[in-house]
Amino acid sequence: MERPKENLRSGYTTGTCAAAASKGALLALIYQRPFAEVTIRLPQGQSLTLALYSCSCTADEGRASVIKDAGDDPDVTDKAEICSRVRWSQEPGVTFERGPGVGLVTKPGLPVSPGEPAINPVPRKMIKETLQRVLDDQGVGQRGVTVEISVPHGEELAKKTFNPRLGIIGGISILGTSGIVVPYSTDAWLASIVQAIDVAVALSGRHLILTVGTRGEKTAKQLFALPDDAFIQIGPFFGEALRHCAKAGVERLTLVGMIGKLAKFAAGNESVHSTASSQDFIFLGTLARAAGAGEDLLNQIAHANTAQEVAELAAARGLSSFFTLLCQRAWQVARLLVGGSCLVNVLLTGRDGEVLGRYPS
């Protein structure tokens, strides 16, 4: 039985876990003994105490790890071991190294430069500030340390993320903006979409194809001869994706979708997730009436169970203009979101990949 959302448990980001493990490793190195837990400061200022899964040291280095607890959020990195190895450096400050299971950035457009470990800016800042506070407290603030973050089995976990598409190879990314994972917040999912758009633009992607998921992308690739980076799966985040396309400087975008998601967007919903919006059959009936539907068909649409059923009813009556009108309304919503910064096209596809409608035609 699904738990009510108000009872869902929050968790911690990979960035929080990496910062805690790094503090444990540095303390072990300084004091030459293991620690059971550490307290760190999150980006928004609150303190958090986390248990260390492992902690050890030699004269030259400290090691510690934290088991990520994503709470009740569906996260592929839940229960992953986030490890840190800290050793003294000749250079002042904190230097990062990539350990096994952490991705390597290979493409431009991401918040981390190519050739760097895939540790995003906020986690980097968290780790640096956490370790600098420890160094300052011990009176050795001028000393430098090298931090190596690793994640056992991280390369396998990364195959379930967007990393391979983003040109992040060999492991997962160390992510997080607030330090806390809010159940079903979808922050990481949305962040990966934004990064995919940035990568495409950095690779001179002037024309991007936005689809909901893998099935839509497969159809789109049969319709457009563009590089793989030009195809962006935006999930339910139509509004956020379109706004970011405009912000990133995309010159032209084509939105390709089936009627279930595209109808929700055309009705004015920026998110088409089932928890954020529902199908508006009154709206679909209005379009059908404008396309010439009679009262019998309008009554059937009003009592339909799904948008796909509406599409089949319209197709059976030969109302091809219904699909064009749907695309036009989706185009109008998209234009409001991107302003005049880029050209927009909308394609409605069927179950077998056929194009049912488009706007502009």
Protein backbone atom coordinates (compact mmCIF):
# COMPACT_ATOMS: atom_id res chain seq x y z
CA MET A 1 0.00 0.00 0.00
CA GLU A 2 1.39 3.42 -1.00
CA ARG A 3 2.32 5.61 1.94
CA PRO A 4 0.73 9.07 2.20
CA LYS A 5 3.15 11.74 1.03
CA GLU A 6 2.98 13.61 4.31
CA ASN A 7 4.43 10.50 6.01
CA LEU A 8 7.29 10.03 3.58
CA ARG A 9 10.81 10.17 4.97
CA SER A 10 13.45 12.56 3.62
CA GLY A 11 16.98 11.38 2.87
CA TYR A 12 20.41 12.74 1.98
CA THR A 13 22.10 13.55 -1.31
CA THR A 14 25.28 11.93 -2.56
CA GLY A 15 26.93 15.32 -1.99
CA THR A 16 25.97 15.29 1.69
CA CYS A 17 27.27 11.75 2.07
CA ALA A 18 30.55 12.65 0.34
CA ALA A 19 31.04 15.66 2.62
CA ALA A 20 30.39 13.57 5.75
CA ALA A 21 32.70 10.77 4.59
CA SER A 22 35.41 13.33 3.78
CA LYS A 23 35.16 14.89 7.23
CA GLY A 24 35.40 11.46 8.83
CA ALA A 25 38.44 10.63 6.73
CA LEU A 26 40.19 13.90 7.61
CA LEU A 27 39.46 13.54 11.33
CA ALA A 28 40.82 9.99 11.23
CA LEU A 29 43.97 11.24 9.51
CA ILE A 30 44.50 14.05 12.02
CA TYR A 31 43.70 12.12 15.19
CA GLN A 32 44.97 8.74 13.94
CA ARG A 33 41.87 6.91 15.13
CA PRO A 34 38.48 5.96 13.66
CA PHE A 35 35.30 7.95 14.28
CA ALA A 36 31.73 6.61 14.50
CA GLU A 37 29.86 9.70 13.30
CA VAL A 38 30.37 13.26 12.12
CA THR A 39 28.34 16.46 12.07
CA ILE A 40 28.35 18.62 8.96
CA ARG A 41 26.71 21.86 7.90
CA LEU A 42 24.28 21.75 4.96
CA PRO A 43 24.17 24.47 2.26
CA GLN A 44 21.18 26.18 3.88
CA GLY A 45 22.92 26.36 7.26
CA GLN A 46 21.37 23.54 9.27
CA SER A 47 23.57 20.89 10.93
CA LEU A 48 23.27 17.17 10.30
CA THR A 49 24.91 14.23 12.07
CA LEU A 50 25.56 11.09 10.01
CA ALA A 51 26.90 7.70 11.04
CA LEU A 52 30.05 6.52 9.31
CA TYR A 53 29.79 3.08 7.75
CA SER A 54 33.57 2.68 7.80
CA CYS A 55 36.48 4.74 9.10
CA SER A 56 40.20 3.96 9.18
CA CYS A 57 43.58 5.59 8.88
CA THR A 58 47.28 5.18 8.29
CA ALA A 59 50.00 7.72 8.91
CA ASP A 60 49.50 9.04 5.38
CA GLU A 61 45.76 8.96 4.77
CA GLY A 62 42.30 8.70 6.27
CA ARG A 63 39.38 6.77 4.80
CA ALA A 64 35.69 6.84 5.63
CA SER A 65 32.36 6.01 4.01
CA VAL A 66 28.66 6.70 4.43
CA ILE A 67 25.75 4.59 3.22
CA LYS A 68 23.40 6.84 1.32
CA ASP A 69 19.88 6.91 2.68
CA ALA A 70 17.52 8.42 0.11
CA GLY A 71 14.58 8.17 2.50
CA ASP A 72 11.43 7.30 0.63
CA ASP A 73 12.64 8.87 -2.61
CA PRO A 74 12.97 6.47 -5.58
CA ASP A 75 16.70 6.90 -6.17
CA VAL A 76 19.11 4.52 -7.91
CA THR A 77 21.87 5.54 -5.49
CA ASP A 78 19.88 4.62 -2.38
CA LYS A 79 22.01 2.38 -0.11
CA ALA A 80 25.14 3.09 -2.19
CA GLU A 81 28.39 3.41 -0.24
CA ILE A 82 29.91 6.85 -0.76
CA CYS A 83 33.62 6.68 0.10
CA SER A 84 36.27 9.32 0.70
CA ARG A 85 40.05 9.06 0.94
CA VAL A 86 41.87 12.12 2.29
CA ARG A 87 45.60 12.72 2.38
CA TRP A 88 47.89 15.70 2.90
CA SER A 89 48.83 17.74 -0.15
CA GLN A 90 51.69 20.10 -0.95
CA GLU A 91 49.17 22.55 -2.41
CA PRO A 92 47.00 24.65 -0.10
CA GLY A 93 43.24 24.18 -0.15
CA VAL A 94 41.21 21.16 -1.22
CA THR A 95 42.00 19.26 -4.43
CA PHE A 96 39.64 16.66 -5.87
CA GLU A 97 40.49 13.33 -7.45
CA ARG A 98 38.18 10.82 -9.09
CA GLY A 99 37.98 7.40 -7.52
CA PRO A 100 36.37 4.23 -8.91
CA GLY A 101 32.64 4.53 -9.50
CA VAL A 102 32.59 8.33 -9.83
CA GLY A 103 32.01 9.62 -13.34
CA LEU A 104 34.44 11.52 -15.53
CA VAL A 105 33.08 14.55 -17.39
CA THR A 106 33.94 14.35 -21.11
CA LYS A 107 31.64 16.91 -22.76
CA PRO A 108 31.28 20.70 -22.43
CA GLY A 109 28.10 22.33 -21.19
CA LEU A 110 28.00 20.73 -17.75
CA PRO A 111 28.64 22.67 -14.51
CA VAL A 112 31.96 20.80 -14.21
CA SER A 113 34.65 21.10 -16.90
CA PRO A 114 35.66 18.15 -19.11
CA GLY A 115 38.41 16.05 -17.53
CA GLU A 116 37.11 16.69 -14.00
CA PRO A 117 35.41 14.21 -11.65
CA ALA A 118 31.62 14.48 -11.84
CA ILE A 119 31.29 16.22 -8.48
CA ASN A 120 28.88 19.10 -8.94
CA PRO A 121 29.58 22.63 -7.68
CA VAL A 122 27.42 22.55 -4.54
CA PRO A 123 28.89 19.24 -3.25
CA ARG A 124 32.39 20.53 -4.05
CA LYS A 125 31.68 23.64 -2.02
CA MET A 126 30.23 21.56 0.82
CA ILE A 127 33.28 19.30 0.95
CA LYS A 128 35.74 22.21 0.74
CA GLU A 129 34.04 24.21 3.47
CA THR A 130 33.60 21.15 5.70
CA LEU A 131 37.26 20.21 5.48
CA GLN A 132 38.49 23.79 5.79
CA ARG A 133 36.56 24.18 9.04
CA VAL A 134 38.26 21.07 10.41
CA LEU A 135 41.69 22.35 9.36
CA ASP A 136 41.02 25.77 10.86
CA ASP A 137 39.79 24.23 14.12
CA GLN A 138 43.02 22.26 14.37
CA GLY A 139 45.15 25.32 13.69
CA VAL A 140 46.45 23.97 10.36
CA GLY A 141 44.21 25.97 8.05
CA GLN A 142 47.12 26.68 5.71
CA ARG A 143 47.66 22.99 4.93
CA GLY A 144 46.17 21.39 1.83
CA VAL A 145 44.45 18.06 1.34
CA THR A 146 43.56 15.86 -1.61
CA VAL A 147 40.13 14.24 -1.56
CA GLU A 148 39.32 11.18 -3.61
CA ILE A 149 35.62 10.27 -3.80
CA SER A 150 34.67 6.77 -4.90
CA VAL A 151 31.50 4.67 -5.08
CA PRO A 152 31.67 0.86 -5.19
CA HIS A 153 29.53 -0.42 -8.10
CA GLY A 154 29.06 3.18 -9.22
CA GLU A 155 29.73 2.33 -12.85
CA GLU A 156 26.82 -0.13 -12.85
CA LEU A 157 24.54 2.32 -11.06
CA ALA A 158 25.36 5.01 -13.63
CA LYS A 159 23.82 2.91 -16.40
CA LYS A 160 20.44 3.58 -14.77
CA THR A 161 20.97 7.35 -14.91
CA PHE A 162 21.32 9.98 -17.65
CA ASN A 163 25.10 10.08 -17.21
CA PRO A 164 26.03 8.08 -20.32
CA ARG A 165 23.91 10.44 -22.45
CA LEU A 166 25.56 13.46 -20.86
CA GLY A 167 29.06 12.22 -21.63
CA ILE A 168 29.79 11.38 -17.99
CA ILE A 169 31.58 8.04 -18.15
CA GLY A 170 32.69 5.47 -15.63
CA GLY A 171 30.35 6.17 -12.74
CA ILE A 172 27.72 8.27 -11.04
CA SER A 173 27.71 11.99 -10.33
CA ILE A 174 28.00 13.44 -6.84
CA LEU A 175 24.95 15.70 -6.72
CA GLY A 176 22.83 17.86 -4.46
CA THR A 177 21.78 21.46 -4.02
CA SER A 178 20.20 21.54 -0.56
CA GLY A 179 21.86 18.43 0.86
CA ILE A 180 18.48 16.86 1.59
CA VAL A 181 16.51 14.54 -0.70
CA VAL A 182 12.81 15.42 -0.50
CA PRO A 183 10.70 12.37 -1.44
CA TYR A 184 9.42 12.57 -4.99
CA SER A 185 10.99 16.00 -5.44
CA THR A 186 12.48 14.81 -8.77
CA ASP A 187 15.31 17.34 -8.33
CA ALA A 188 17.97 15.02 -9.74
CA TRP A 189 15.79 14.05 -12.69
CA LEU A 190 15.12 17.66 -13.62
CA ALA A 191 18.78 18.60 -13.11
CA SER A 192 19.85 15.91 -15.57
CA ILE A 193 17.44 17.28 -18.20
CA VAL A 194 18.81 20.79 -17.76
CA GLN A 195 22.35 19.45 -18.10
CA ALA A 196 21.43 17.49 -21.24
CA ILE A 197 20.15 20.70 -22.83
CA ASP A 198 23.32 22.57 -21.85
CA VAL A 199 25.52 19.82 -23.30
CA ALA A 200 23.58 19.84 -26.58
CA VAL A 201 23.92 23.62 -26.90
CA ALA A 202 27.63 23.49 -26.06
CA LEU A 203 28.07 20.97 -28.86
CA SER A 204 26.56 23.49 -31.30
CA GLY A 205 23.10 22.00 -31.09
CA ARG A 206 20.96 24.64 -32.77
CA HIS A 207 17.95 22.35 -33.23
CA LEU A 208 16.82 20.19 -30.29
CA ILE A 209 14.14 17.51 -30.34
CA LEU A 210 12.24 17.21 -27.05
CA THR A 211 10.48 13.94 -26.27
CA VAL A 212 8.92 12.53 -23.13
CA GLY A 213 10.84 9.27 -22.97
CA THR A 214 12.62 6.46 -24.78
CA ARG A 215 9.68 5.46 -26.95
CA GLY A 216 9.16 9.01 -28.17
CA GLU A 217 12.86 9.45 -28.81
CA LYS A 218 12.96 6.30 -30.93
CA THR A 219 10.12 7.68 -33.06
CA ALA A 220 11.76 11.11 -33.29
CA LYS A 221 15.05 9.62 -34.48
CA GLN A 222 13.19 8.09 -37.40
CA LEU A 223 11.85 11.52 -38.31
CA PHE A 224 14.94 13.69 -37.84
CA ALA A 225 18.52 13.07 -38.97
CA LEU A 226 20.30 14.80 -36.10
CA PRO A 227 23.13 13.84 -33.73
CA ASP A 228 22.17 11.84 -30.64
CA ASP A 229 22.88 14.82 -28.38
CA ALA A 230 20.08 16.77 -30.08
CA PHE A 231 17.42 14.43 -28.69
CA ILE A 232 16.43 15.32 -25.13
CA GLN A 233 14.07 13.24 -22.99
CA ILE A 234 12.26 15.78 -20.83
CA GLY A 235 9.95 13.44 -18.92
CA PRO A 236 6.96 15.35 -17.51
CA PHE A 237 8.86 18.64 -17.17
CA PHE A 238 7.58 20.43 -20.26
CA GLY A 239 7.58 23.92 -18.75
CA GLU A 240 11.00 23.72 -17.10
CA ALA A 241 12.58 22.17 -20.18
CA LEU A 242 11.17 24.76 -22.57
CA ARG A 243 12.18 27.66 -20.35
CA HIS A 244 15.70 26.33 -20.07
CA CYS A 245 15.94 25.85 -23.84
CA ALA A 246 15.20 29.55 -24.22
CA LYS A 247 17.67 30.48 -21.48
CA ALA A 248 20.39 28.26 -22.97
CA GLY A 249 20.09 29.88 -26.40
CA VAL A 250 18.46 27.09 -28.42
CA GLU A 251 17.57 28.47 -31.85
CA ARG A 252 14.97 25.89 -32.81
CA LEU A 253 13.16 23.13 -30.95
CA THR A 254 10.66 20.49 -31.94
CA LEU A 255 8.34 18.98 -29.35
CA VAL A 256 7.38 15.41 -30.25
CA GLY A 257 4.80 13.57 -28.19
CA MET A 258 1.84 11.22 -28.10
CA ILE A 259 -1.60 12.50 -27.21
CA GLY A 260 -1.59 11.47 -23.53
CA LYS A 261 1.14 13.94 -22.53
CA LEU A 262 0.78 16.46 -25.34
CA ALA A 263 -2.93 17.02 -24.60
CA LYS A 264 -2.16 17.83 -20.97
CA PHE A 265 0.47 20.33 -22.06
CA ALA A 266 -1.80 21.85 -24.71
CA ALA A 267 -4.40 22.39 -21.97
CA GLY A 268 -1.88 24.59 -20.13
CA ASN A 269 -0.13 22.17 -17.74
CA GLU A 270 3.60 22.78 -17.45
CA SER A 271 4.07 19.41 -15.74
CA VAL A 272 2.31 16.43 -17.29
CA HIS A 273 3.11 14.02 -14.45
CA SER A 274 0.06 12.13 -13.21
CA THR A 275 0.51 13.68 -9.75
CA ALA A 276 0.59 17.22 -11.14
CA SER A 277 -2.12 17.27 -13.79
CA SER A 278 -5.05 15.27 -15.12
CA GLN A 279 -6.55 14.91 -18.57
CA ASP A 280 -9.03 17.67 -19.44
CA PHE A 281 -11.76 16.03 -21.52
CA ILE A 282 -13.74 19.28 -21.68
CA PHE A 283 -10.72 20.86 -23.37
CA LEU A 284 -10.44 17.95 -25.81
CA GLY A 285 -14.15 18.20 -26.54
CA THR A 286 -13.74 21.90 -27.33
CA LEU A 287 -11.04 21.08 -29.87
CA ALA A 288 -13.16 18.31 -31.35
CA ARG A 289 -16.13 20.67 -31.72
CA ALA A 290 -13.89 23.19 -33.52
CA ALA A 291 -12.80 20.36 -35.81
CA GLY A 292 -16.42 19.65 -36.73
CA ALA A 293 -17.39 16.87 -34.31
CA GLY A 294 -21.08 16.16 -33.89
CA GLU A 295 -22.93 15.80 -30.60
CA ASP A 296 -22.64 12.02 -30.59
CA LEU A 297 -18.84 12.15 -30.81
CA LEU A 298 -18.66 14.97 -28.27
CA ASN A 299 -20.66 12.85 -25.84
CA GLN A 300 -18.27 9.94 -26.36
CA ILE A 301 -15.29 12.21 -25.72
CA ALA A 302 -16.86 13.55 -22.53
CA HIS A 303 -17.13 9.98 -21.23
CA ALA A 304 -13.75 8.75 -22.51
CA ASN A 305 -11.26 7.18 -20.09
CA THR A 306 -8.04 8.28 -21.78
CA ALA A 307 -6.75 10.77 -24.32
CA GLN A 308 -5.72 7.80 -26.48
CA GLU A 309 -9.37 6.79 -26.64
CA VAL A 310 -10.21 10.31 -27.79
CA ALA A 311 -7.55 10.08 -30.49
CA GLU A 312 -9.00 6.81 -31.75
CA LEU A 313 -12.53 8.27 -31.79
CA ALA A 314 -11.35 11.31 -33.75
CA ALA A 315 -9.38 9.19 -36.21
CA ALA A 316 -12.34 6.89 -36.79
CA ARG A 317 -14.46 9.92 -37.77
CA GLY A 318 -11.74 11.29 -40.05
CA LEU A 319 -11.24 14.43 -37.93
CA SER A 320 -7.60 15.04 -38.89
CA SER A 321 -8.01 18.73 -38.10
CA PHE A 322 -8.55 17.78 -34.44
CA PHE A 323 -4.91 16.70 -34.27
CA THR A 324 -3.73 19.86 -35.99
CA LEU A 325 -5.70 21.99 -33.53
CA LEU A 326 -4.18 20.08 -30.61
CA CYS A 327 -0.68 20.73 -31.94
CA GLN A 328 -1.54 24.40 -32.48
CA ARG A 329 -2.65 24.79 -28.87
CA ALA A 330 0.51 23.04 -27.64
CA TRP A 331 2.54 25.37 -29.88
CA GLN A 332 0.83 28.40 -28.35
CA VAL A 333 1.64 27.26 -24.81
CA ALA A 334 5.24 26.50 -25.81
CA ARG A 335 5.63 29.93 -27.44
CA LEU A 336 4.53 31.61 -24.21
CA LEU A 337 7.20 29.70 -22.32
CA VAL A 338 10.10 30.39 -24.69
CA GLY A 339 9.07 33.88 -25.73
CA GLY A 340 10.46 34.94 -29.06
CA SER A 341 13.88 33.44 -28.46
CA CYS A 342 13.53 30.31 -30.60
CA LEU A 343 11.43 28.71 -33.29
CA VAL A 344 9.02 26.03 -32.08
CA ASN A 345 7.44 23.11 -33.90
CA VAL A 346 5.04 20.53 -32.45
CA LEU A 347 4.48 16.99 -33.73
CA LEU A 348 1.79 14.62 -32.46
CA THR A 349 2.62 10.97 -33.07
CA GLY A 350 0.55 7.80 -32.81
CA ARG A 351 1.19 4.45 -31.20
CA ASP A 352 3.03 3.13 -34.25
CA GLY A 353 5.17 6.23 -34.71
CA GLU A 354 2.99 7.79 -37.39
CA VAL A 355 2.61 11.57 -37.47
CA LEU A 356 -1.01 12.44 -36.67
CA GLY A 357 -0.63 16.20 -36.62
CA ARG A 358 1.87 19.03 -36.67
CA TYR A 359 2.01 22.77 -36.20
CA PRO A 360 3.12 24.83 -38.00
CA SER A 361 2.29 22.56 -40.93
